[in-house]
Amino acid sequence: METRVVTAHIPIELAEKVDQLAARLERPKGWIVKQALTAWIDLEAKRYQLTLEGLADVDAGRLVEHSAIEGWANSLDRSV
């Protein structure tokens, strides 16, 4: 796999945590950063997909009325 260097300025406290984690796991700091960045990008892609699905539901009229949600939420207080 080809790679490319990406430079980022991060807070010292975060850099120290990366250093500590790399030492504990006996892995290079670059590996730690790659794992974290990959996980975050995957999470953001999932959030974006869910947002698009939600907007498609709105466009298709698949909605729940606010009053129905309020009624449901209020019923939670009474069930305790």
Protein backbone atom coordinates (compact mmCIF):
# COMPACT_ATOMS: atom_id res chain seq x y z
CA MET A 1 0.00 0.00 0.00
CA GLU A 2 1.29 3.43 -0.87
CA THR A 3 1.40 5.97 1.91
CA ARG A 4 1.61 9.72 2.26
CA VAL A 5 2.79 11.82 5.18
CA VAL A 6 0.15 14.07 6.72
CA THR A 7 1.22 16.68 9.24
CA ALA A 8 -1.06 18.01 11.95
CA HIS A 9 -0.55 20.21 14.97
CA ILE A 10 -2.21 18.65 18.00
CA PRO A 11 -2.36 19.72 21.64
CA ILE A 12 0.63 18.59 23.70
CA GLU A 13 -1.63 16.63 26.06
CA LEU A 14 -3.03 14.62 23.15
CA ALA A 15 0.45 14.01 21.75
CA GLU A 16 1.56 12.74 25.16
CA LYS A 17 -1.39 10.35 25.25
CA VAL A 18 -0.40 9.03 21.82
CA ASP A 19 3.17 8.59 23.07
CA GLN A 20 1.96 6.69 26.15
CA LEU A 21 -0.37 4.47 24.16
CA ALA A 22 2.31 3.69 21.60
CA ALA A 23 4.72 2.71 24.38
CA ARG A 24 2.14 0.57 26.16
CA LEU A 25 1.08 -1.22 22.97
CA GLU A 26 4.64 -1.36 21.66
CA ARG A 27 3.50 0.14 18.37
CA PRO A 28 4.75 3.13 16.41
CA LYS A 29 2.96 6.42 16.98
CA GLY A 30 2.04 6.46 13.30
CA TRP A 31 0.17 3.18 13.74
CA ILE A 32 -1.81 4.63 16.66
CA VAL A 33 -2.74 7.72 14.67
CA LYS A 34 -3.69 5.64 11.61
CA GLN A 35 -5.98 3.42 13.71
CA ALA A 36 -7.65 6.42 15.36
CA LEU A 37 -8.09 8.31 12.10
CA THR A 38 -9.49 5.26 10.32
CA ALA A 39 -12.03 4.65 13.11
CA TRP A 40 -13.10 8.30 13.13
CA ILE A 41 -13.50 8.44 9.34
CA ASP A 42 -15.57 5.23 9.41
CA LEU A 43 -17.78 6.70 12.14
CA GLU A 44 -18.27 9.95 10.24
CA ALA A 45 -19.17 8.02 7.07
CA LYS A 46 -21.81 6.08 9.04
CA ARG A 47 -23.21 9.30 10.55
CA TYR A 48 -23.41 10.86 7.09
CA GLN A 49 -25.20 7.79 5.70
CA LEU A 50 -27.70 7.84 8.58
CA THR A 51 -28.30 11.55 7.99
CA LEU A 52 -29.02 10.91 4.31
CA GLU A 53 -31.41 8.09 5.26
CA GLY A 54 -33.18 10.38 7.72
CA LEU A 55 -33.55 13.11 5.12
CA ALA A 56 -34.93 10.56 2.65
CA ASP A 57 -37.51 9.57 5.27
CA VAL A 58 -38.51 13.22 5.65
CA ASP A 59 -38.79 13.63 1.88
CA ALA A 60 -40.95 10.50 1.72
CA GLY A 61 -43.21 11.78 4.50
CA ARG A 62 -42.20 9.11 7.01
CA LEU A 63 -42.48 11.32 10.07
CA VAL A 64 -43.73 11.13 13.64
CA GLU A 65 -45.75 14.07 14.93
CA HIS A 66 -44.22 16.07 17.74
CA SER A 67 -47.29 15.57 19.92
CA ALA A 68 -46.92 11.78 19.60
CA ILE A 69 -43.32 12.00 20.77
CA GLU A 70 -44.33 14.26 23.66
CA GLY A 71 -47.03 11.80 24.68
CA TRP A 72 -44.57 8.93 24.59
CA ALA A 73 -41.97 10.88 26.59
CA ASN A 74 -44.55 11.91 29.17
CA SER A 75 -45.68 8.30 29.55
CA LEU A 76 -42.15 7.37 30.62
CA ASP A 77 -42.53 9.48 33.76
CA ARG A 78 -45.72 7.66 34.76
CA SER A 79 -44.34 4.17 34.26
CA VAL A 80 -41.72 4.49 37.03
